[in-house]
């Protein structure tokens, strides 16, 4: 992935973090493609924004969000991570 693309993704994550009052970190590693698709569909129906992102990019977005200290969440950023807004 190009550095420019990473920067765009980080900015999109920062924007979502600022826009939504709550977020949930979800480990989707044990889910197969059918279960993942079902989760995405259920989130869409409930107007929940589901974003799958590289942990390193998500951590950078959290670090750039100065309003809230997200550092306690850094230890859970392992494996396949999705964020629900």
PDB file of N, CA and C in Angstrom:
ATOM      1  N   UNK A   1       0.855  -1.181   0.000  1.00  0.00           N
ATOM      2  CA  UNK A   1       0.000   0.000   0.000  1.00  0.00           C
ATOM      3  C   UNK A   1       0.892   1.232   0.000  1.00  0.00           C
ATOM      4  N   UNK A   2       0.549   2.170  -0.861  1.00  0.00           N
ATOM      5  CA  UNK A   2       1.331   3.395  -0.963  1.00  0.00           C
ATOM      6  C   UNK A   2       1.110   4.282   0.261  1.00  0.00           C
ATOM      7  N   UNK A   3       2.104   5.091   0.561  1.00  0.00           N
ATOM      8  CA  UNK A   3       2.040   5.991   1.715  1.00  0.00           C
ATOM      9  C   UNK A   3       0.861   6.955   1.593  1.00  0.00           C
ATOM     10  N   UNK A   4       0.578   7.415   0.384  1.00  0.00           N
ATOM     11  CA  UNK A   4      -0.540   8.337   0.167  1.00  0.00           C
ATOM     12  C   UNK A   4      -1.864   7.660   0.507  1.00  0.00           C
ATOM     13  N   UNK A   5      -1.987   6.382   0.117  1.00  0.00           N
ATOM     14  CA  UNK A   5      -3.212   5.630   0.412  1.00  0.00           C
ATOM     15  C   UNK A   5      -3.394   5.447   1.917  1.00  0.00           C
ATOM     16  N   UNK A   6      -2.299   5.167   2.596  1.00  0.00           N
ATOM     17  CA  UNK A   6      -2.361   5.018   4.050  1.00  0.00           C
ATOM     18  C   UNK A   6      -2.824   6.317   4.697  1.00  0.00           C
ATOM     19  N   UNK A   7      -2.311   7.439   4.211  1.00  0.00           N
ATOM     20  CA  UNK A   7      -2.697   8.739   4.755  1.00  0.00           C
ATOM     21  C   UNK A   7      -4.178   9.011   4.566  1.00  0.00           C
ATOM     22  N   UNK A   8      -4.715   8.617   3.420  1.00  0.00           N
ATOM     23  CA  UNK A   8      -6.147   8.806   3.150  1.00  0.00           C
ATOM     24  C   UNK A   8      -6.984   7.964   4.100  1.00  0.00           C
ATOM     25  N   UNK A   9      -6.575   6.722   4.310  1.00  0.00           N
ATOM     26  CA  UNK A   9      -7.312   5.824   5.212  1.00  0.00           C
ATOM     27  C   UNK A   9      -7.274   6.360   6.633  1.00  0.00           C
ATOM     28  N   UNK A  10      -6.120   6.825   7.071  1.00  0.00           N
ATOM     29  CA  UNK A  10      -5.988   7.379   8.430  1.00  0.00           C
ATOM     30  C   UNK A  10      -6.916   8.589   8.580  1.00  0.00           C
ATOM     31  N   UNK A  11      -6.955   9.463   7.586  1.00  0.00           N
ATOM     32  CA  UNK A  11      -7.827  10.639   7.649  1.00  0.00           C
ATOM     33  C   UNK A  11      -9.297  10.236   7.698  1.00  0.00           C
ATOM     34  N   UNK A  12      -9.680   9.205   6.946  1.00  0.00           N
ATOM     35  CA  UNK A  12     -11.064   8.728   6.979  1.00  0.00           C
ATOM     36  C   UNK A  12     -11.411   8.172   8.362  1.00  0.00           C
ATOM     37  N   UNK A  13     -10.473   7.449   8.959  1.00  0.00           N
ATOM     38  CA  UNK A  13     -10.695   6.905  10.306  1.00  0.00           C
ATOM     39  C   UNK A  13     -10.814   8.031  11.329  1.00  0.00           C
ATOM     40  N   UNK A  14      -9.943   9.023  11.238  1.00  0.00           N
ATOM     41  CA  UNK A  14      -9.995  10.170  12.161  1.00  0.00           C
ATOM     42  C   UNK A  14     -11.345  10.871  12.031  1.00  0.00           C
ATOM     43  N   UNK A  15     -11.796  11.052  10.810  1.00  0.00           N
ATOM     44  CA  UNK A  15     -13.083  11.702  10.568  1.00  0.00           C
ATOM     45  C   UNK A  15     -14.225  10.913  11.205  1.00  0.00           C
ATOM     46  N   UNK A  16     -14.212   9.592  11.061  1.00  0.00           N
ATOM     47  CA  UNK A  16     -15.263   8.750  11.653  1.00  0.00           C
ATOM     48  C   UNK A  16     -15.198   8.802  13.178  1.00  0.00           C
ATOM     49  N   UNK A  17     -13.991   8.798  13.733  1.00  0.00           N
ATOM     50  CA  UNK A  17     -13.837   8.861  15.190  1.00  0.00           C
ATOM     51  C   UNK A  17     -14.433  10.159  15.731  1.00  0.00           C
ATOM     52  N   UNK A  18     -14.215  11.258  15.013  1.00  0.00           N
ATOM     53  CA  UNK A  18     -14.746  12.551  15.445  1.00  0.00           C
ATOM     54  C   UNK A  18     -16.261  12.642  15.246  1.00  0.00           C
ATOM     55  N   UNK A  19     -16.756  11.994  14.202  1.00  0.00           N
ATOM     56  CA  UNK A  19     -18.175  12.101  13.853  1.00  0.00           C
ATOM     57  C   UNK A  19     -19.084  11.334  14.808  1.00  0.00           C
ATOM     58  N   UNK A  20     -18.644  10.174  15.248  1.00  0.00           N
ATOM     59  CA  UNK A  20     -19.495   9.307  16.052  1.00  0.00           C
ATOM     60  C   UNK A  20     -19.112   9.379  17.527  1.00  0.00           C
ATOM     61  N   UNK A  21     -20.109   9.343  18.373  1.00  0.00           N
ATOM     62  CA  UNK A  21     -19.904   9.458  19.812  1.00  0.00           C
ATOM     63  C   UNK A  21     -19.342   8.167  20.421  1.00  0.00           C
ATOM     64  N   UNK A  22     -19.720   7.027  19.846  1.00  0.00           N
ATOM     65  CA  UNK A  22     -19.291   5.734  20.382  1.00  0.00           C
ATOM     66  C   UNK A  22     -18.655   4.893  19.283  1.00  0.00           C
ATOM     67  N   UNK A  23     -17.738   4.028  19.693  1.00  0.00           N
ATOM     68  CA  UNK A  23     -17.159   3.074  18.766  1.00  0.00           C
ATOM     69  C   UNK A  23     -16.912   1.765  19.490  1.00  0.00           C
ATOM     70  N   UNK A  24     -16.910   0.697  18.728  1.00  0.00           N
ATOM     71  CA  UNK A  24     -16.677  -0.644  19.261  1.00  0.00           C
ATOM     72  C   UNK A  24     -15.608  -1.311  18.422  1.00  0.00           C
ATOM     73  N   UNK A  25     -14.634  -1.918  19.071  1.00  0.00           N
ATOM     74  CA  UNK A  25     -13.597  -2.663  18.370  1.00  0.00           C
ATOM     75  C   UNK A  25     -13.996  -4.124  18.376  1.00  0.00           C
ATOM     76  N   UNK A  26     -13.965  -4.734  17.192  1.00  0.00           N
ATOM     77  CA  UNK A  26     -14.445  -6.101  17.019  1.00  0.00           C
ATOM     78  C   UNK A  26     -13.327  -6.950  16.422  1.00  0.00           C
ATOM     79  N   UNK A  27     -13.089  -8.119  17.008  1.00  0.00           N
ATOM     80  CA  UNK A  27     -12.126  -9.078  16.467  1.00  0.00           C
ATOM     81  C   UNK A  27     -12.895 -10.032  15.554  1.00  0.00           C
ATOM     82  N   UNK A  28     -12.621  -9.977  14.266  1.00  0.00           N
ATOM     83  CA  UNK A  28     -13.339 -10.800  13.295  1.00  0.00           C
ATOM     84  C   UNK A  28     -12.505 -11.967  12.784  1.00  0.00           C
ATOM     85  N   UNK A  29     -11.415 -12.281  13.463  1.00  0.00           N
ATOM     86  CA  UNK A  29     -10.496 -13.322  12.987  1.00  0.00           C
ATOM     87  C   UNK A  29     -11.153 -14.692  12.879  1.00  0.00           C
ATOM     88  N   UNK A  30     -12.041 -15.035  13.780  1.00  0.00           N
ATOM     89  CA  UNK A  30     -12.644 -16.370  13.791  1.00  0.00           C
ATOM     90  C   UNK A  30     -13.836 -16.492  12.849  1.00  0.00           C
ATOM     91  N   UNK A  31     -14.192 -15.407  12.207  1.00  0.00           N
ATOM     92  CA  UNK A  31     -15.368 -15.428  11.337  1.00  0.00           C
ATOM     93  C   UNK A  31     -14.988 -15.846   9.918  1.00  0.00           C
ATOM     94  N   UNK A  32     -15.817 -16.711   9.316  1.00  0.00           N
ATOM     95  CA  UNK A  32     -15.603 -17.055   7.914  1.00  0.00           C
ATOM     96  C   UNK A  32     -16.268 -16.001   7.031  1.00  0.00           C
ATOM     97  N   UNK A  33     -16.160 -16.163   5.731  1.00  0.00           N
ATOM     98  CA  UNK A  33     -16.680 -15.141   4.825  1.00  0.00           C
ATOM     99  C   UNK A  33     -18.198 -14.986   4.918  1.00  0.00           C
ATOM    100  N   UNK A  34     -18.915 -16.067   5.159  1.00  0.00           N
ATOM    101  CA  UNK A  34     -20.369 -15.991   5.289  1.00  0.00           C
ATOM    102  C   UNK A  34     -20.756 -15.206   6.541  1.00  0.00           C
ATOM    103  N   UNK A  35     -20.109 -15.499   7.654  1.00  0.00           N
ATOM    104  CA  UNK A  35     -20.399 -14.796   8.903  1.00  0.00           C
ATOM    105  C   UNK A  35     -20.025 -13.315   8.797  1.00  0.00           C
ATOM    106  N   UNK A  36     -18.915 -13.027   8.140  1.00  0.00           N
ATOM    107  CA  UNK A  36     -18.499 -11.642   7.959  1.00  0.00           C
ATOM    108  C   UNK A  36     -19.503 -10.890   7.099  1.00  0.00           C
ATOM    109  N   UNK A  37     -19.952 -11.524   6.043  1.00  0.00           N
ATOM    110  CA  UNK A  37     -20.956 -10.918   5.173  1.00  0.00           C
ATOM    111  C   UNK A  37     -22.262 -10.677   5.925  1.00  0.00           C
ATOM    112  N   UNK A  38     -22.664 -11.638   6.740  1.00  0.00           N
ATOM    113  CA  UNK A  38     -23.878 -11.475   7.553  1.00  0.00           C
ATOM    114  C   UNK A  38     -23.738 -10.309   8.531  1.00  0.00           C
ATOM    115  N   UNK A  39     -22.565 -10.184   9.141  1.00  0.00           N
ATOM    116  CA  UNK A  39     -22.316  -9.075  10.064  1.00  0.00           C
ATOM    117  C   UNK A  39     -22.400  -7.745   9.331  1.00  0.00           C
ATOM    118  N   UNK A  40     -21.761  -7.649   8.175  1.00  0.00           N
ATOM    119  CA  UNK A  40     -21.808  -6.413   7.396  1.00  0.00           C
ATOM    120  C   UNK A  40     -23.253  -6.052   7.034  1.00  0.00           C
ATOM    121  N   UNK A  41     -24.018  -7.047   6.627  1.00  0.00           N
ATOM    122  CA  UNK A  41     -25.413  -6.827   6.248  1.00  0.00           C
ATOM    123  C   UNK A  41     -26.233  -6.339   7.451  1.00  0.00           C
ATOM    124  N   UNK A  42     -26.032  -6.985   8.595  1.00  0.00           N
ATOM    125  CA  UNK A  42     -26.762  -6.586   9.809  1.00  0.00           C
ATOM    126  C   UNK A  42     -26.385  -5.159  10.225  1.00  0.00           C
ATOM    127  N   UNK A  43     -25.114  -4.821  10.124  1.00  0.00           N
ATOM    128  CA  UNK A  43     -24.679  -3.461  10.464  1.00  0.00           C
ATOM    129  C   UNK A  43     -25.314  -2.450   9.525  1.00  0.00           C
ATOM    130  N   UNK A  44     -25.334  -2.762   8.243  1.00  0.00           N
ATOM    131  CA  UNK A  44     -25.925  -1.849   7.261  1.00  0.00           C
ATOM    132  C   UNK A  44     -27.400  -1.597   7.568  1.00  0.00           C
ATOM    133  N   UNK A  45     -28.121  -2.653   7.898  1.00  0.00           N
ATOM    134  CA  UNK A  45     -29.554  -2.527   8.192  1.00  0.00           C
ATOM    135  C   UNK A  45     -29.803  -1.667   9.423  1.00  0.00           C
ATOM    136  N   UNK A  46     -28.899  -1.722  10.381  1.00  0.00           N
ATOM    137  CA  UNK A  46     -29.057  -0.951  11.616  1.00  0.00           C
ATOM    138  C   UNK A  46     -28.343   0.401  11.566  1.00  0.00           C
ATOM    139  N   UNK A  47     -27.846   0.767  10.389  1.00  0.00           N
ATOM    140  CA  UNK A  47     -27.124   2.024  10.190  1.00  0.00           C
ATOM    141  C   UNK A  47     -25.882   2.129  11.073  1.00  0.00           C
ATOM    142  N   UNK A  48     -25.211   0.993  11.239  1.00  0.00           N
ATOM    143  CA  UNK A  48     -23.936   0.944  11.953  1.00  0.00           C
ATOM    144  C   UNK A  48     -22.841   0.912  10.908  1.00  0.00           C
ATOM    145  N   UNK A  49     -21.885   1.801  11.042  1.00  0.00           N
ATOM    146  CA  UNK A  49     -20.781   1.857  10.087  1.00  0.00           C
ATOM    147  C   UNK A  49     -19.711   0.867  10.543  1.00  0.00           C
ATOM    148  N   UNK A  50     -19.368  -0.092   9.685  1.00  0.00           N
ATOM    149  CA  UNK A  50     -18.362  -1.112   9.990  1.00  0.00           C
ATOM    150  C   UNK A  50     -17.159  -0.884   9.082  1.00  0.00           C
ATOM    151  N   UNK A  51     -15.997  -0.676   9.691  1.00  0.00           N
ATOM    152  CA  UNK A  51     -14.773  -0.435   8.935  1.00  0.00           C
ATOM    153  C   UNK A  51     -13.727  -1.454   9.375  1.00  0.00           C
ATOM    154  N   UNK A  52     -13.182  -2.182   8.408  1.00  0.00           N
ATOM    155  CA  UNK A  52     -12.063  -3.084   8.670  1.00  0.00           C
ATOM    156  C   UNK A  52     -10.804  -2.332   8.266  1.00  0.00           C
ATOM    157  N   UNK A  53      -9.850  -2.246   9.181  1.00  0.00           N
ATOM    158  CA  UNK A  53      -8.638  -1.469   8.914  1.00  0.00           C
ATOM    159  C   UNK A  53      -7.424  -2.181   9.496  1.00  0.00           C
ATOM    160  N   UNK A  54      -6.281  -1.892   8.910  1.00  0.00           N
ATOM    161  CA  UNK A  54      -5.042  -2.418   9.463  1.00  0.00           C
ATOM    162  C   UNK A  54      -4.857  -1.832  10.859  1.00  0.00           C
ATOM    163  N   UNK A  55      -4.392  -2.662  11.764  1.00  0.00           N
ATOM    164  CA  UNK A  55      -4.213  -2.221  13.153  1.00  0.00           C
ATOM    165  C   UNK A  55      -3.273  -1.033  13.263  1.00  0.00           C
ATOM    166  N   UNK A  56      -2.199  -1.023  12.465  1.00  0.00           N
ATOM    167  CA  UNK A  56      -1.239   0.077  12.539  1.00  0.00           C
ATOM    168  C   UNK A  56      -1.884   1.395  12.100  1.00  0.00           C
ATOM    169  N   UNK A  57      -2.754   1.347  11.096  1.00  0.00           N
ATOM    170  CA  UNK A  57      -3.423   2.572  10.642  1.00  0.00           C
ATOM    171  C   UNK A  57      -4.467   3.030  11.654  1.00  0.00           C
ATOM    172  N   UNK A  58      -5.149   2.074  12.246  1.00  0.00           N
ATOM    173  CA  UNK A  58      -6.133   2.414  13.269  1.00  0.00           C
ATOM    174  C   UNK A  58      -5.450   3.038  14.483  1.00  0.00           C
ATOM    175  N   UNK A  59      -4.308   2.502  14.858  1.00  0.00           N
ATOM    176  CA  UNK A  59      -3.562   3.052  15.991  1.00  0.00           C
ATOM    177  C   UNK A  59      -3.121   4.489  15.694  1.00  0.00           C
ATOM    178  N   UNK A  60      -2.661   4.743  14.474  1.00  0.00           N
ATOM    179  CA  UNK A  60      -2.252   6.105  14.108  1.00  0.00           C
ATOM    180  C   UNK A  60      -3.443   7.056  14.145  1.00  0.00           C
ATOM    181  N   UNK A  61      -4.604   6.590  13.719  1.00  0.00           N
ATOM    182  CA  UNK A  61      -5.808   7.426  13.769  1.00  0.00           C
ATOM    183  C   UNK A  61      -6.183   7.718  15.217  1.00  0.00           C
ATOM    184  N   UNK A  62      -6.080   6.715  16.082  1.00  0.00           N
ATOM    185  CA  UNK A  62      -6.367   6.928  17.502  1.00  0.00           C
ATOM    186  C   UNK A  62      -5.386   7.931  18.109  1.00  0.00           C
ATOM    187  N   UNK A  63      -4.101   7.793  17.758  1.00  0.00           N
ATOM    188  CA  UNK A  63      -3.088   8.708  18.292  1.00  0.00           C
ATOM    189  C   UNK A  63      -3.331  10.138  17.830  1.00  0.00           C
ATOM    190  N   UNK A  64      -3.847  10.303  16.619  1.00  0.00           N
ATOM    191  CA  UNK A  64      -4.093  11.643  16.081  1.00  0.00           C
ATOM    192  C   UNK A  64      -5.355  12.278  16.647  1.00  0.00           C
ATOM    193  N   UNK A  65      -6.210  11.500  17.266  1.00  0.00           N
ATOM    194  CA  UNK A  65      -7.440  12.031  17.853  1.00  0.00           C
ATOM    195  C   UNK A  65      -7.126  12.562  19.241  1.00  0.00           C
ATOM    196  N   UNK A  66      -6.979  13.869  19.326  1.00  0.00           N
ATOM    197  CA  UNK A  66      -6.514  14.480  20.569  1.00  0.00           C
ATOM    198  C   UNK A  66      -7.601  14.644  21.626  1.00  0.00           C
ATOM    199  N   UNK A  67      -8.873  14.507  21.237  1.00  0.00           N
ATOM    200  CA  UNK A  67      -9.946  14.725  22.209  1.00  0.00           C
ATOM    201  C   UNK A  67     -10.036  13.607  23.250  1.00  0.00           C
ATOM    202  N   UNK A  68      -9.691  12.375  22.845  1.00  0.00           N
ATOM    203  CA  UNK A  68      -9.835  11.212  23.720  1.00  0.00           C
ATOM    204  C   UNK A  68      -8.518  10.438  23.735  1.00  0.00           C
ATOM    205  N   UNK A  69      -8.164   9.914  24.899  1.00  0.00           N
ATOM    206  CA  UNK A  69      -6.967   9.081  25.019  1.00  0.00           C
ATOM    207  C   UNK A  69      -7.351   7.634  24.717  1.00  0.00           C
ATOM    208  N   UNK A  70      -6.976   7.150  23.549  1.00  0.00           N
ATOM    209  CA  UNK A  70      -7.299   5.789  23.128  1.00  0.00           C
ATOM    210  C   UNK A  70      -6.184   4.795  23.456  1.00  0.00           C
ATOM    211  N   UNK A  71      -5.125   5.239  24.115  1.00  0.00           N
ATOM    212  CA  UNK A  71      -3.976   4.358  24.374  1.00  0.00           C
ATOM    213  C   UNK A  71      -4.333   3.067  25.119  1.00  0.00           C
ATOM    214  N   UNK A  72      -5.348   3.041  26.006  1.00  0.00           N
ATOM    215  CA  UNK A  72      -5.692   1.760  26.637  1.00  0.00           C
ATOM    216  C   UNK A  72      -6.185   0.702  25.640  1.00  0.00           C
ATOM    217  N   UNK A  73      -6.605   1.125  24.454  1.00  0.00           N
ATOM    218  CA  UNK A  73      -7.105   0.180  23.452  1.00  0.00           C
ATOM    219  C   UNK A  73      -5.999  -0.415  22.579  1.00  0.00           C
ATOM    220  N   UNK A  74      -4.797   0.130  22.642  1.00  0.00           N
ATOM    221  CA  UNK A  74      -3.737  -0.307  21.754  1.00  0.00           C
ATOM    222  C   UNK A  74      -3.420  -1.795  21.910  1.00  0.00           C
ATOM    223  N   UNK A  75      -3.547  -2.327  23.119  1.00  0.00           N
ATOM    224  CA  UNK A  75      -3.227  -3.739  23.352  1.00  0.00           C
ATOM    225  C   UNK A  75      -4.205  -4.696  22.675  1.00  0.00           C
ATOM    226  N   UNK A  76      -5.413  -4.253  22.380  1.00  0.00           N
ATOM    227  CA  UNK A  76      -6.398  -5.134  21.739  1.00  0.00           C
ATOM    228  C   UNK A  76      -6.326  -5.083  20.220  1.00  0.00           C
ATOM    229  N   UNK A  77      -5.483  -4.238  19.670  1.00  0.00           N
ATOM    230  CA  UNK A  77      -5.353  -4.133  18.219  1.00  0.00           C
ATOM    231  C   UNK A  77      -4.437  -5.233  17.697  1.00  0.00           C
ATOM    232  N   UNK A  78      -4.974  -6.430  17.634  1.00  0.00           N
ATOM    233  CA  UNK A  78      -4.229  -7.599  17.159  1.00  0.00           C
ATOM    234  C   UNK A  78      -5.140  -8.406  16.258  1.00  0.00           C
ATOM    235  N   UNK A  79      -4.564  -9.097  15.317  1.00  0.00           N
ATOM    236  CA  UNK A  79      -5.355  -9.950  14.443  1.00  0.00           C
ATOM    237  C   UNK A  79      -6.169  -9.129  13.460  1.00  0.00           C
ATOM    238  N   UNK A  80      -7.330  -9.650  13.130  1.00  0.00           N
ATOM    239  CA  UNK A  80      -8.232  -8.978  12.193  1.00  0.00           C
ATOM    240  C   UNK A  80      -9.199  -8.108  12.978  1.00  0.00           C
ATOM    241  N   UNK A  81      -9.062  -6.807  12.816  1.00  0.00           N
ATOM    242  CA  UNK A  81      -9.820  -5.857  13.619  1.00  0.00           C
ATOM    243  C   UNK A  81     -10.794  -5.061  12.754  1.00  0.00           C
ATOM    244  N   UNK A  82     -11.976  -4.888  13.267  1.00  0.00           N
ATOM    245  CA  UNK A  82     -12.967  -4.004  12.632  1.00  0.00           C
ATOM    246  C   UNK A  82     -13.445  -3.019  13.693  1.00  0.00           C
ATOM    247  N   UNK A  83     -13.897  -1.872  13.234  1.00  0.00           N
ATOM    248  CA  UNK A  83     -14.418  -0.854  14.133  1.00  0.00           C
ATOM    249  C   UNK A  83     -15.870  -0.588  13.726  1.00  0.00           C
ATOM    250  N   UNK A  84     -16.730  -0.566  14.726  1.00  0.00           N
ATOM    251  CA  UNK A  84     -18.140  -0.253  14.494  1.00  0.00           C
ATOM    252  C   UNK A  84     -18.438   1.116  15.068  1.00  0.00           C
ATOM    253  N   UNK A  85     -19.040   1.972  14.238  1.00  0.00           N
ATOM    254  CA  UNK A  85     -19.430   3.314  14.668  1.00  0.00           C
ATOM    255  C   UNK A  85     -20.932   3.420  14.638  1.00  0.00           C
TER     256      UNK A  85
END
